[in-house]
Amino acid sequence: MATTRRPLRPCTSPGCPTRVQGGRCERHAGLAQKQRQTWTEVYGSEWPNIRLDFLTRNPRCTLCPRMARVADHYPVGIRELRRRGITNPHHDRYLRPLCWPCHSRVTTRHQPGGWNASRQ
């Protein structure tokens, strides 16, 4: 019995015309891996557990009454905390619980980029 070959599909990265069997092309797969490594270097491998623990203890958004889904570094980001020499940037005093809509609104206001860059 002959196996049928599936047609090649575009890479799943937006705007990439490269045809692949599935997923990302080699270039974008490498970039995605590098981005994952960067995330781990910035936040650390323990971050998912710290985040979950923090949101369990602080279940409501600080800006509205909705359920929190994001543990946001506040008043400055984690990179700035590390630059200042803070040894534990994940301490509760540097975090605040936010819901997705509030996190998106705050991020758009303070970190314009992508589609928002032209609107500022």
PDB file of N, CA and C in Angstrom:
ATOM      1  N   MET A   1       0.846  -1.171   0.000  1.00  0.00           N
ATOM      2  CA  MET A   1       0.000   0.000   0.000  1.00  0.00           C
ATOM      3  C   MET A   1       0.896   1.241   0.000  1.00  0.00           C
ATOM      4  N   ALA A   2       0.698   2.124  -0.902  1.00  0.00           N
ATOM      5  CA  ALA A   2       1.503   3.337  -1.008  1.00  0.00           C
ATOM      6  C   ALA A   2       1.008   4.377  -0.015  1.00  0.00           C
ATOM      7  N   THR A   3       1.969   5.066   0.588  1.00  0.00           N
ATOM      8  CA  THR A   3       1.576   6.133   1.515  1.00  0.00           C
ATOM      9  C   THR A   3       1.360   7.412   0.726  1.00  0.00           C
ATOM     10  N   THR A   4       0.350   8.126   1.113  1.00  0.00           N
ATOM     11  CA  THR A   4       0.084   9.390   0.442  1.00  0.00           C
ATOM     12  C   THR A   4       0.832  10.504   1.157  1.00  0.00           C
ATOM     13  N   ARG A   5       1.439  11.367   0.375  1.00  0.00           N
ATOM     14  CA  ARG A   5       2.150  12.509   0.929  1.00  0.00           C
ATOM     15  C   ARG A   5       1.201  13.674   1.073  1.00  0.00           C
ATOM     16  N   ARG A   6       1.281  14.309   2.211  1.00  0.00           N
ATOM     17  CA  ARG A   6       0.464  15.495   2.437  1.00  0.00           C
ATOM     18  C   ARG A   6       1.108  16.685   1.733  1.00  0.00           C
ATOM     19  N   PRO A   7       0.303  17.598   1.271  1.00  0.00           N
ATOM     20  CA  PRO A   7       0.879  18.784   0.644  1.00  0.00           C
ATOM     21  C   PRO A   7       1.591  19.650   1.704  1.00  0.00           C
ATOM     22  N   LEU A   8       2.634  20.331   1.255  1.00  0.00           N
ATOM     23  CA  LEU A   8       3.360  21.217   2.160  1.00  0.00           C
ATOM     24  C   LEU A   8       2.491  22.409   2.516  1.00  0.00           C
ATOM     25  N   ARG A   9       2.649  22.874   3.751  1.00  0.00           N
ATOM     26  CA  ARG A   9       1.868  24.010   4.240  1.00  0.00           C
ATOM     27  C   ARG A   9       2.820  25.148   4.596  1.00  0.00           C
ATOM     28  N   PRO A  10       2.292  26.375   4.632  1.00  0.00           N
ATOM     29  CA  PRO A  10       3.160  27.490   5.015  1.00  0.00           C
ATOM     30  C   PRO A  10       3.593  27.359   6.478  1.00  0.00           C
ATOM     31  N   CYS A  11       4.771  27.874   6.771  1.00  0.00           N
ATOM     32  CA  CYS A  11       5.272  27.943   8.148  1.00  0.00           C
ATOM     33  C   CYS A  11       4.226  28.670   8.992  1.00  0.00           C
ATOM     34  N   THR A  12       4.063  28.261  10.241  1.00  0.00           N
ATOM     35  CA  THR A  12       3.036  28.859  11.091  1.00  0.00           C
ATOM     36  C   THR A  12       3.417  30.242  11.628  1.00  0.00           C
ATOM     37  N   SER A  13       4.648  30.695  11.381  1.00  0.00           N
ATOM     38  CA  SER A  13       5.024  32.055  11.783  1.00  0.00           C
ATOM     39  C   SER A  13       4.394  33.043  10.809  1.00  0.00           C
ATOM     40  N   PRO A  14       3.725  34.071  11.323  1.00  0.00           N
ATOM     41  CA  PRO A  14       3.032  35.025  10.457  1.00  0.00           C
ATOM     42  C   PRO A  14       3.947  35.645   9.404  1.00  0.00           C
ATOM     43  N   GLY A  15       3.487  35.601   8.166  1.00  0.00           N
ATOM     44  CA  GLY A  15       4.206  36.233   7.064  1.00  0.00           C
ATOM     45  C   GLY A  15       5.306  35.392   6.442  1.00  0.00           C
ATOM     46  N   CYS A  16       5.600  34.229   6.978  1.00  0.00           N
ATOM     47  CA  CYS A  16       6.669  33.393   6.427  1.00  0.00           C
ATOM     48  C   CYS A  16       6.112  32.547   5.278  1.00  0.00           C
ATOM     49  N   PRO A  17       6.691  32.657   4.085  1.00  0.00           N
ATOM     50  CA  PRO A  17       6.185  31.910   2.931  1.00  0.00           C
ATOM     51  C   PRO A  17       6.763  30.502   2.788  1.00  0.00           C
ATOM     52  N   THR A  18       7.706  30.110   3.627  1.00  0.00           N
ATOM     53  CA  THR A  18       8.361  28.813   3.507  1.00  0.00           C
ATOM     54  C   THR A  18       7.355  27.684   3.688  1.00  0.00           C
ATOM     55  N   ARG A  19       7.435  26.695   2.820  1.00  0.00           N
ATOM     56  CA  ARG A  19       6.535  25.538   2.880  1.00  0.00           C
ATOM     57  C   ARG A  19       7.196  24.424   3.679  1.00  0.00           C
ATOM     58  N   VAL A  20       6.439  23.831   4.612  1.00  0.00           N
ATOM     59  CA  VAL A  20       6.947  22.767   5.482  1.00  0.00           C
ATOM     60  C   VAL A  20       5.892  21.682   5.638  1.00  0.00           C
ATOM     61  N   GLN A  21       6.307  20.528   6.172  1.00  0.00           N
ATOM     62  CA  GLN A  21       5.363  19.440   6.430  1.00  0.00           C
ATOM     63  C   GLN A  21       4.361  19.835   7.503  1.00  0.00           C
ATOM     64  N   GLY A  22       4.817  20.572   8.486  1.00  0.00           N
ATOM     65  CA  GLY A  22       3.940  21.015   9.565  1.00  0.00           C
ATOM     66  C   GLY A  22       4.723  21.872  10.544  1.00  0.00           C
ATOM     67  N   GLY A  23       4.047  22.771  11.203  1.00  0.00           N
ATOM     68  CA  GLY A  23       4.701  23.620  12.204  1.00  0.00           C
ATOM     69  C   GLY A  23       5.491  24.759  11.590  1.00  0.00           C
ATOM     70  N   ARG A  24       6.679  25.010  12.172  1.00  0.00           N
ATOM     71  CA  ARG A  24       7.516  26.120  11.729  1.00  0.00           C
ATOM     72  C   ARG A  24       8.641  25.631  10.830  1.00  0.00           C
ATOM     73  N   CYS A  25       9.173  26.553  10.029  1.00  0.00           N
ATOM     74  CA  CYS A  25      10.353  26.256   9.231  1.00  0.00           C
ATOM     75  C   CYS A  25      11.569  26.216  10.165  1.00  0.00           C
ATOM     76  N   GLU A  26      12.719  25.786   9.673  1.00  0.00           N
ATOM     77  CA  GLU A  26      13.911  25.664  10.515  1.00  0.00           C
ATOM     78  C   GLU A  26      14.291  26.996  11.141  1.00  0.00           C
ATOM     79  N   ARG A  27      14.233  28.062  10.364  1.00  0.00           N
ATOM     80  CA  ARG A  27      14.613  29.388  10.874  1.00  0.00           C
ATOM     81  C   ARG A  27      13.729  29.807  12.044  1.00  0.00           C
ATOM     82  N   HIS A  28      12.416  29.700  11.868  1.00  0.00           N
ATOM     83  CA  HIS A  28      11.507  30.138  12.923  1.00  0.00           C
ATOM     84  C   HIS A  28      11.472  29.167  14.101  1.00  0.00           C
ATOM     85  N   ALA A  29      11.725  27.897  13.865  1.00  0.00           N
ATOM     86  CA  ALA A  29      11.808  26.937  14.970  1.00  0.00           C
ATOM     87  C   ALA A  29      12.995  27.293  15.858  1.00  0.00           C
ATOM     88  N   GLY A  30      14.110  27.673  15.239  1.00  0.00           N
ATOM     89  CA  GLY A  30      15.282  28.086  15.999  1.00  0.00           C
ATOM     90  C   GLY A  30      15.029  29.354  16.782  1.00  0.00           C
ATOM     91  N   LEU A  31      14.345  30.315  16.161  1.00  0.00           N
ATOM     92  CA  LEU A  31      14.023  31.567  16.851  1.00  0.00           C
ATOM     93  C   LEU A  31      13.092  31.310  18.036  1.00  0.00           C
ATOM     94  N   ALA A  32      12.127  30.413  17.868  1.00  0.00           N
ATOM     95  CA  ALA A  32      11.203  30.090  18.956  1.00  0.00           C
ATOM     96  C   ALA A  32      11.950  29.431  20.114  1.00  0.00           C
ATOM     97  N   GLN A  33      12.894  28.553  19.801  1.00  0.00           N
ATOM     98  CA  GLN A  33      13.691  27.906  20.843  1.00  0.00           C
ATOM     99  C   GLN A  33      14.535  28.940  21.590  1.00  0.00           C
ATOM    100  N   LYS A  34      15.133  29.862  20.862  1.00  0.00           N
ATOM    101  CA  LYS A  34      15.942  30.917  21.486  1.00  0.00           C
ATOM    102  C   LYS A  34      15.067  31.789  22.392  1.00  0.00           C
ATOM    103  N   GLN A  35      13.851  32.080  21.949  1.00  0.00           N
ATOM    104  CA  GLN A  35      12.936  32.892  22.746  1.00  0.00           C
ATOM    105  C   GLN A  35      12.561  32.164  24.040  1.00  0.00           C
ATOM    106  N   ARG A  36      12.334  30.858  23.970  1.00  0.00           N
ATOM    107  CA  ARG A  36      12.031  30.080  25.170  1.00  0.00           C
ATOM    108  C   ARG A  36      13.204  30.110  26.140  1.00  0.00           C
ATOM    109  N   GLN A  37      14.423  29.979  25.610  1.00  0.00           N
ATOM    110  CA  GLN A  37      15.605  30.022  26.463  1.00  0.00           C
ATOM    111  C   GLN A  37      15.732  31.396  27.125  1.00  0.00           C
ATOM    112  N   THR A  38      15.474  32.454  26.374  1.00  0.00           N
ATOM    113  CA  THR A  38      15.549  33.804  26.914  1.00  0.00           C
ATOM    114  C   THR A  38      14.544  33.976  28.041  1.00  0.00           C
ATOM    115  N   TRP A  39      13.333  33.472  27.856  1.00  0.00           N
ATOM    116  CA  TRP A  39      12.294  33.562  28.882  1.00  0.00           C
ATOM    117  C   TRP A  39      12.766  32.894  30.168  1.00  0.00           C
ATOM    118  N   THR A  40      13.365  31.706  30.046  1.00  0.00           N
ATOM    119  CA  THR A  40      13.845  30.992  31.213  1.00  0.00           C
ATOM    120  C   THR A  40      14.987  31.750  31.881  1.00  0.00           C
ATOM    121  N   GLU A  41      15.866  32.364  31.079  1.00  0.00           N
ATOM    122  CA  GLU A  41      16.970  33.133  31.648  1.00  0.00           C
ATOM    123  C   GLU A  41      16.457  34.344  32.419  1.00  0.00           C
ATOM    124  N   VAL A  42      15.414  35.000  31.919  1.00  0.00           N
ATOM    125  CA  VAL A  42      14.887  36.200  32.571  1.00  0.00           C
ATOM    126  C   VAL A  42      14.110  35.841  33.829  1.00  0.00           C
ATOM    127  N   TYR A  43      13.163  34.931  33.729  1.00  0.00           N
ATOM    128  CA  TYR A  43      12.281  34.615  34.850  1.00  0.00           C
ATOM    129  C   TYR A  43      12.803  33.490  35.733  1.00  0.00           C
ATOM    130  N   GLY A  44      13.584  32.590  35.184  1.00  0.00           N
ATOM    131  CA  GLY A  44      14.078  31.451  35.947  1.00  0.00           C
ATOM    132  C   GLY A  44      13.127  30.274  35.841  1.00  0.00           C
ATOM    133  N   SER A  45      13.654  29.094  36.024  1.00  0.00           N
ATOM    134  CA  SER A  45      12.843  27.888  35.857  1.00  0.00           C
ATOM    135  C   SER A  45      11.805  27.727  36.973  1.00  0.00           C
ATOM    136  N   GLU A  46      12.007  28.412  38.099  1.00  0.00           N
ATOM    137  CA  GLU A  46      11.065  28.292  39.217  1.00  0.00           C
ATOM    138  C   GLU A  46       9.845  29.198  39.071  1.00  0.00           C
ATOM    139  N   TRP A  47       9.850  30.113  38.090  1.00  0.00           N
ATOM    140  CA  TRP A  47       8.780  31.099  37.933  1.00  0.00           C
ATOM    141  C   TRP A  47       7.379  30.501  37.835  1.00  0.00           C
ATOM    142  N   PRO A  48       7.130  29.453  37.050  1.00  0.00           N
ATOM    143  CA  PRO A  48       5.753  28.931  36.974  1.00  0.00           C
ATOM    144  C   PRO A  48       5.179  28.552  38.345  1.00  0.00           C
ATOM    145  N   ASN A  49       5.995  27.960  39.207  1.00  0.00           N
ATOM    146  CA  ASN A  49       5.516  27.582  40.547  1.00  0.00           C
ATOM    147  C   ASN A  49       5.308  28.807  41.432  1.00  0.00           C
ATOM    148  N   ILE A  50       6.213  29.776  41.352  1.00  0.00           N
ATOM    149  CA  ILE A  50       6.079  31.010  42.133  1.00  0.00           C
ATOM    150  C   ILE A  50       4.810  31.740  41.712  1.00  0.00           C
ATOM    151  N   ARG A  51       4.592  31.837  40.397  1.00  0.00           N
ATOM    152  CA  ARG A  51       3.416  32.515  39.847  1.00  0.00           C
ATOM    153  C   ARG A  51       2.133  31.862  40.352  1.00  0.00           C
ATOM    154  N   LEU A  52       2.053  30.546  40.246  1.00  0.00           N
ATOM    155  CA  LEU A  52       0.859  29.818  40.674  1.00  0.00           C
ATOM    156  C   LEU A  52       0.608  30.008  42.168  1.00  0.00           C
ATOM    157  N   ASP A  53       1.654  29.927  42.972  1.00  0.00           N
ATOM    158  CA  ASP A  53       1.523  30.115  44.416  1.00  0.00           C
ATOM    159  C   ASP A  53       1.028  31.526  44.733  1.00  0.00           C
ATOM    160  N   PHE A  54       1.599  32.521  44.049  1.00  0.00           N
ATOM    161  CA  PHE A  54       1.199  33.912  44.276  1.00  0.00           C
ATOM    162  C   PHE A  54      -0.269  34.131  43.903  1.00  0.00           C
ATOM    163  N   LEU A  55      -0.690  33.602  42.758  1.00  0.00           N
ATOM    164  CA  LEU A  55      -2.079  33.784  42.317  1.00  0.00           C
ATOM    165  C   LEU A  55      -3.063  33.001  43.196  1.00  0.00           C
ATOM    166  N   THR A  56      -2.615  31.917  43.803  1.00  0.00           N
ATOM    167  CA  THR A  56      -3.467  31.176  44.734  1.00  0.00           C
ATOM    168  C   THR A  56      -3.716  32.011  45.986  1.00  0.00           C
ATOM    169  N   ARG A  57      -2.687  32.697  46.454  1.00  0.00           N
ATOM    170  CA  ARG A  57      -2.814  33.533  47.648  1.00  0.00           C
ATOM    171  C   ARG A  57      -3.462  34.886  47.349  1.00  0.00           C
ATOM    172  N   ASN A  58      -3.417  35.330  46.083  1.00  0.00           N
ATOM    173  CA  ASN A  58      -3.976  36.625  45.679  1.00  0.00           C
ATOM    174  C   ASN A  58      -4.880  36.416  44.465  1.00  0.00           C
ATOM    175  N   PRO A  59      -6.080  35.903  44.661  1.00  0.00           N
ATOM    176  CA  PRO A  59      -6.910  35.481  43.530  1.00  0.00           C
ATOM    177  C   PRO A  59      -7.613  36.602  42.757  1.00  0.00           C
ATOM    178  N   ARG A  60      -7.664  37.815  43.286  1.00  0.00           N
ATOM    179  CA  ARG A  60      -8.396  38.903  42.620  1.00  0.00           C
ATOM    180  C   ARG A  60      -7.453  39.936  42.027  1.00  0.00           C
ATOM    181  N   CYS A  61      -7.849  40.471  40.886  1.00  0.00           N
ATOM    182  CA  CYS A  61      -7.110  41.536  40.208  1.00  0.00           C
ATOM    183  C   CYS A  61      -7.065  42.771  41.120  1.00  0.00           C
ATOM    184  N   THR A  62      -5.941  43.453  41.164  1.00  0.00           N
ATOM    185  CA  THR A  62      -5.824  44.650  42.005  1.00  0.00           C
ATOM    186  C   THR A  62      -6.491  45.873  41.385  1.00  0.00           C
ATOM    187  N   LEU A  63      -6.815  45.818  40.088  1.00  0.00           N
ATOM    188  CA  LEU A  63      -7.403  46.970  39.404  1.00  0.00           C
ATOM    189  C   LEU A  63      -8.903  46.846  39.166  1.00  0.00           C
ATOM    190  N   CYS A  64      -9.436  45.634  39.296  1.00  0.00           N
ATOM    191  CA  CYS A  64     -10.872  45.414  39.099  1.00  0.00           C
ATOM    192  C   CYS A  64     -11.271  44.172  39.906  1.00  0.00           C
ATOM    193  N   PRO A  65     -12.546  43.829  39.983  1.00  0.00           N
ATOM    194  CA  PRO A  65     -12.956  42.684  40.810  1.00  0.00           C
ATOM    195  C   PRO A  65     -12.823  41.304  40.145  1.00  0.00           C
ATOM    196  N   ARG A  66     -12.281  41.230  38.936  1.00  0.00           N
ATOM    197  CA  ARG A  66     -12.179  39.935  38.248  1.00  0.00           C
ATOM    198  C   ARG A  66     -11.113  39.025  38.865  1.00  0.00           C
ATOM    199  N   MET A  67     -11.158  37.759  38.469  1.00  0.00           N
ATOM    200  CA  MET A  67     -10.150  36.793  38.906  1.00  0.00           C
ATOM    201  C   MET A  67      -8.816  37.104  38.228  1.00  0.00           C
ATOM    202  N   ALA A  68      -7.743  37.056  38.993  1.00  0.00           N
ATOM    203  CA  ALA A  68      -6.403  37.321  38.468  1.00  0.00           C
ATOM    204  C   ALA A  68      -5.885  36.112  37.704  1.00  0.00           C
ATOM    205  N   ARG A  69      -5.196  36.346  36.618  1.00  0.00           N
ATOM    206  CA  ARG A  69      -4.581  35.293  35.816  1.00  0.00           C
ATOM    207  C   ARG A  69      -3.096  35.565  35.577  1.00  0.00           C
ATOM    208  N   VAL A  70      -2.644  36.794  35.882  1.00  0.00           N
ATOM    209  CA  VAL A  70      -1.270  37.206  35.602  1.00  0.00           C
ATOM    210  C   VAL A  70      -0.632  37.721  36.886  1.00  0.00           C
ATOM    211  N   ALA A  71       0.589  37.263  37.162  1.00  0.00           N
ATOM    212  CA  ALA A  71       1.384  37.819  38.259  1.00  0.00           C
ATOM    213  C   ALA A  71       2.347  38.806  37.611  1.00  0.00           C
ATOM    214  N   ASP A  72       2.030  40.084  37.717  1.00  0.00           N
ATOM    215  CA  ASP A  72       2.775  41.149  37.042  1.00  0.00           C
ATOM    216  C   ASP A  72       3.835  41.726  37.973  1.00  0.00           C
ATOM    217  N   HIS A  73       5.063  41.899  37.467  1.00  0.00           N
ATOM    218  CA  HIS A  73       6.097  42.576  38.256  1.00  0.00           C
ATOM    219  C   HIS A  73       5.767  44.060  38.266  1.00  0.00           C
ATOM    220  N   TYR A  74       5.707  44.635  39.481  1.00  0.00           N
ATOM    221  CA  TYR A  74       5.259  46.017  39.627  1.00  0.00           C
ATOM    222  C   TYR A  74       5.984  46.668  40.792  1.00  0.00           C
ATOM    223  N   PRO A  75       6.396  47.882  40.760  1.00  0.00           N
ATOM    224  CA  PRO A  75       6.130  48.946  39.794  1.00  0.00           C
ATOM    225  C   PRO A  75       7.072  48.935  38.601  1.00  0.00           C
ATOM    226  N   VAL A  76       8.147  48.136  38.652  1.00  0.00           N
ATOM    227  CA  VAL A  76       9.025  48.019  37.486  1.00  0.00           C
ATOM    228  C   VAL A  76       9.124  46.552  37.104  1.00  0.00           C
ATOM    229  N   GLY A  77       9.577  46.290  35.886  1.00  0.00           N
ATOM    230  CA  GLY A  77       9.674  44.927  35.392  1.00  0.00           C
ATOM    231  C   GLY A  77      10.830  44.155  36.003  1.00  0.00           C
ATOM    232  N   ILE A  78      10.846  42.866  35.725  1.00  0.00           N
ATOM    233  CA  ILE A  78      11.863  41.993  36.309  1.00  0.00           C
ATOM    234  C   ILE A  78      13.264  42.365  35.854  1.00  0.00           C
ATOM    235  N   ARG A  79      13.409  42.786  34.606  1.00  0.00           N
ATOM    236  CA  ARG A  79      14.745  43.164  34.120  1.00  0.00           C
ATOM    237  C   ARG A  79      15.288  44.361  34.901  1.00  0.00           C
ATOM    238  N   GLU A  80      14.438  45.343  35.162  1.00  0.00           N
ATOM    239  CA  GLU A  80      14.857  46.514  35.934  1.00  0.00           C
ATOM    240  C   GLU A  80      15.176  46.122  37.378  1.00  0.00           C
ATOM    241  N   LEU A  81      14.390  45.228  37.960  1.00  0.00           N
ATOM    242  CA  LEU A  81      14.669  44.763  39.319  1.00  0.00           C
ATOM    243  C   LEU A  81      16.037  44.096  39.388  1.00  0.00           C
ATOM    244  N   ARG A  82      16.337  43.274  38.405  1.00  0.00           N
ATOM    245  CA  ARG A  82      17.650  42.607  38.375  1.00  0.00           C
ATOM    246  C   ARG A  82      18.768  43.633  38.167  1.00  0.00           C
ATOM    247  N   ARG A  83      18.529  44.624  37.312  1.00  0.00           N
ATOM    248  CA  ARG A  83      19.523  45.681  37.072  1.00  0.00           C
ATOM    249  C   ARG A  83      19.834  46.446  38.362  1.00  0.00           C
ATOM    250  N   ARG A  84      18.828  46.612  39.191  1.00  0.00           N
ATOM    251  CA  ARG A  84      18.993  47.314  40.471  1.00  0.00           C
ATOM    252  C   ARG A  84      19.655  46.452  41.536  1.00  0.00           C
ATOM    253  N   GLY A  85      19.896  45.182  41.234  1.00  0.00           N
ATOM    254  CA  GLY A  85      20.564  44.298  42.174  1.00  0.00           C
ATOM    255  C   GLY A  85      19.632  43.610  43.158  1.00  0.00           C
ATOM    256  N   ILE A  86      18.339  43.604  42.888  1.00  0.00           N
ATOM    257  CA  ILE A  86      17.378  42.924  43.750  1.00  0.00           C
ATOM    258  C   ILE A  86      17.637  41.415  43.638  1.00  0.00           C
ATOM    259  N   THR A  87      17.903  40.772  44.757  1.00  0.00           N
ATOM    260  CA  THR A  87      18.259  39.349  44.712  1.00  0.00           C
ATOM    261  C   THR A  87      17.061  38.430  44.554  1.00  0.00           C
ATOM    262  N   ASN A  88      15.872  38.874  44.988  1.00  0.00           N
ATOM    263  CA  ASN A  88      14.663  38.059  44.853  1.00  0.00           C
ATOM    264  C   ASN A  88      13.564  38.882  44.176  1.00  0.00           C
ATOM    265  N   PRO A  89      13.629  39.027  42.847  1.00  0.00           N
ATOM    266  CA  PRO A  89      12.632  39.846  42.158  1.00  0.00           C
ATOM    267  C   PRO A  89      11.233  39.244  42.143  1.00  0.00           C
ATOM    268  N   HIS A  90      11.098  37.982  42.577  1.00  0.00           N
ATOM    269  CA  HIS A  90       9.788  37.337  42.603  1.00  0.00           C
ATOM    270  C   HIS A  90       9.110  37.461  43.961  1.00  0.00           C
ATOM    271  N   HIS A  91       9.672  38.245  44.858  1.00  0.00           N
ATOM    272  CA  HIS A  91       9.067  38.447  46.175  1.00  0.00           C
ATOM    273  C   HIS A  91       7.713  39.128  46.006  1.00  0.00           C
ATOM    274  N   ASP A  92       6.784  38.838  46.897  1.00  0.00           N
ATOM    275  CA  ASP A  92       5.428  39.384  46.804  1.00  0.00           C
ATOM    276  C   ASP A  92       5.402  40.912  46.706  1.00  0.00           C
ATOM    277  N   ARG A  93       6.362  41.592  47.320  1.00  0.00           N
ATOM    278  CA  ARG A  93       6.334  43.064  47.285  1.00  0.00           C
ATOM    279  C   ARG A  93       6.561  43.619  45.880  1.00  0.00           C
ATOM    280  N   TYR A  94       7.118  42.789  44.973  1.00  0.00           N
ATOM    281  CA  TYR A  94       7.362  43.230  43.600  1.00  0.00           C
ATOM    282  C   TYR A  94       6.339  42.678  42.608  1.00  0.00           C
ATOM    283  N   LEU A  95       5.308  42.023  43.105  1.00  0.00           N
ATOM    284  CA  LEU A  95       4.290  41.417  42.234  1.00  0.00           C
ATOM    285  C   LEU A  95       2.915  41.997  42.528  1.00  0.00           C
ATOM    286  N   ARG A  96       2.050  41.940  41.533  1.00  0.00           N
ATOM    287  CA  ARG A  96       0.643  42.274  41.738  1.00  0.00           C
ATOM    288  C   ARG A  96      -0.198  41.372  40.847  1.00  0.00           C
ATOM    289  N   PRO A  97      -1.343  40.934  41.349  1.00  0.00           N
ATOM    290  CA  PRO A  97      -2.215  40.075  40.541  1.00  0.00           C
ATOM    291  C   PRO A  97      -3.087  40.916  39.611  1.00  0.00           C
ATOM    292  N   LEU A  98      -3.156  40.501  38.345  1.00  0.00           N
ATOM    293  CA  LEU A  98      -3.995  41.195  37.362  1.00  0.00           C
ATOM    294  C   LEU A  98      -4.802  40.188  36.552  1.00  0.00           C
ATOM    295  N   CYS A  99      -5.972  40.614  36.082  1.00  0.00           N
ATOM    296  CA  CYS A  99      -6.737  39.811  35.120  1.00  0.00           C
ATOM    297  C   CYS A  99      -6.143  40.103  33.731  1.00  0.00           C
ATOM    298  N   TRP A 100      -6.503  39.291  32.735  1.00  0.00           N
ATOM    299  CA  TRP A 100      -5.966  39.492  31.385  1.00  0.00           C
ATOM    300  C   TRP A 100      -6.295  40.869  30.810  1.00  0.00           C
ATOM    301  N   PRO A 101      -7.555  41.331  30.881  1.00  0.00           N
ATOM    302  CA  PRO A 101      -7.857  42.647  30.296  1.00  0.00           C
ATOM    303  C   PRO A 101      -7.050  43.783  30.937  1.00  0.00           C
ATOM    304  N   CYS A 102      -6.911  43.776  32.257  1.00  0.00           N
ATOM    305  CA  CYS A 102      -6.141  44.831  32.929  1.00  0.00           C
ATOM    306  C   CYS A 102      -4.661  44.724  32.572  1.00  0.00           C
ATOM    307  N   HIS A 103      -4.127  43.506  32.511  1.00  0.00           N
ATOM    308  CA  HIS A 103      -2.728  43.326  32.134  1.00  0.00           C
ATOM    309  C   HIS A 103      -2.484  43.848  30.717  1.00  0.00           C
ATOM    310  N   SER A 104      -3.400  43.537  29.807  1.00  0.00           N
ATOM    311  CA  SER A 104      -3.257  44.016  28.433  1.00  0.00           C
ATOM    312  C   SER A 104      -3.301  45.533  28.367  1.00  0.00           C
ATOM    313  N   ARG A 105      -4.216  46.131  29.110  1.00  0.00           N
ATOM    314  CA  ARG A 105      -4.342  47.589  29.109  1.00  0.00           C
ATOM    315  C   ARG A 105      -3.076  48.253  29.669  1.00  0.00           C
ATOM    316  N   VAL A 106      -2.564  47.745  30.771  1.00  0.00           N
ATOM    317  CA  VAL A 106      -1.361  48.302  31.394  1.00  0.00           C
ATOM    318  C   VAL A 106      -0.148  48.111  30.486  1.00  0.00           C
ATOM    319  N   THR A 107      -0.014  46.926  29.909  1.00  0.00           N
ATOM    320  CA  THR A 107       1.120  46.648  29.026  1.00  0.00           C
ATOM    321  C   THR A 107       1.077  47.540  27.797  1.00  0.00           C
ATOM    322  N   THR A 108      -0.095  47.746  27.224  1.00  0.00           N
ATOM    323  CA  THR A 108      -0.236  48.605  26.055  1.00  0.00           C
ATOM    324  C   THR A 108       0.172  50.037  26.385  1.00  0.00           C
ATOM    325  N   ARG A 109      -0.178  50.478  27.563  1.00  0.00           N
ATOM    326  CA  ARG A 109       0.129  51.843  27.967  1.00  0.00           C
ATOM    327  C   ARG A 109       1.624  52.044  28.227  1.00  0.00           C
ATOM    328  N   HIS A 110       2.261  51.062  28.861  1.00  0.00           N
ATOM    329  CA  HIS A 110       3.638  51.241  29.307  1.00  0.00           C
ATOM    330  C   HIS A 110       4.694  50.593  28.425  1.00  0.00           C
ATOM    331  N   GLN A 111       4.303  49.682  27.553  1.00  0.00           N
ATOM    332  CA  GLN A 111       5.258  49.023  26.669  1.00  0.00           C
ATOM    333  C   GLN A 111       4.722  48.996  25.245  1.00  0.00           C
ATOM    334  N   PRO A 112       4.555  50.161  24.627  1.00  0.00           N
ATOM    335  CA  PRO A 112       4.002  50.158  23.277  1.00  0.00           C
ATOM    336  C   PRO A 112       4.945  49.476  22.296  1.00  0.00           C
ATOM    337  N   GLY A 113       4.387  48.654  21.476  1.00  0.00           N
ATOM    338  CA  GLY A 113       5.160  47.952  20.462  1.00  0.00           C
ATOM    339  C   GLY A 113       4.209  47.243  19.523  1.00  0.00           C
ATOM    340  N   GLY A 114       4.736  46.678  18.461  1.00  0.00           N
ATOM    341  CA  GLY A 114       3.894  45.968  17.513  1.00  0.00           C
ATOM    342  C   GLY A 114       2.841  46.887  16.918  1.00  0.00           C
ATOM    343  N   TRP A 115       1.608  46.426  16.881  1.00  0.00           N
ATOM    344  CA  TRP A 115       0.530  47.224  16.293  1.00  0.00           C
ATOM    345  C   TRP A 115       0.308  48.517  17.062  1.00  0.00           C
ATOM    346  N   ASN A 116       0.622  48.539  18.349  1.00  0.00           N
ATOM    347  CA  ASN A 116       0.374  49.715  19.169  1.00  0.00           C
ATOM    348  C   ASN A 116       1.411  50.812  18.961  1.00  0.00           C
ATOM    349  N   ALA A 117       2.591  50.474  18.427  1.00  0.00           N
ATOM    350  CA  ALA A 117       3.675  51.456  18.295  1.00  0.00           C
ATOM    351  C   ALA A 117       3.255  52.647  17.424  1.00  0.00           C
ATOM    352  N   SER A 118       2.497  52.377  16.399  1.00  0.00           N
ATOM    353  CA  SER A 118       2.094  53.469  15.494  1.00  0.00           C
ATOM    354  C   SER A 118       0.957  54.313  16.066  1.00  0.00           C
ATOM    355  N   ARG A 119       0.322  53.835  17.115  1.00  0.00           N
ATOM    356  CA  ARG A 119      -0.825  54.547  17.686  1.00  0.00           C
ATOM    357  C   ARG A 119      -0.410  55.526  18.798  1.00  0.00           C
ATOM    358  N   GLN A 120       0.833  55.467  19.226  1.00  0.00           N
ATOM    359  CA  GLN A 120       1.286  56.311  20.320  1.00  0.00           C
ATOM    360  C   GLN A 120       1.694  57.688  19.835  1.00  0.00           C
TER     361      GLN A 120
END
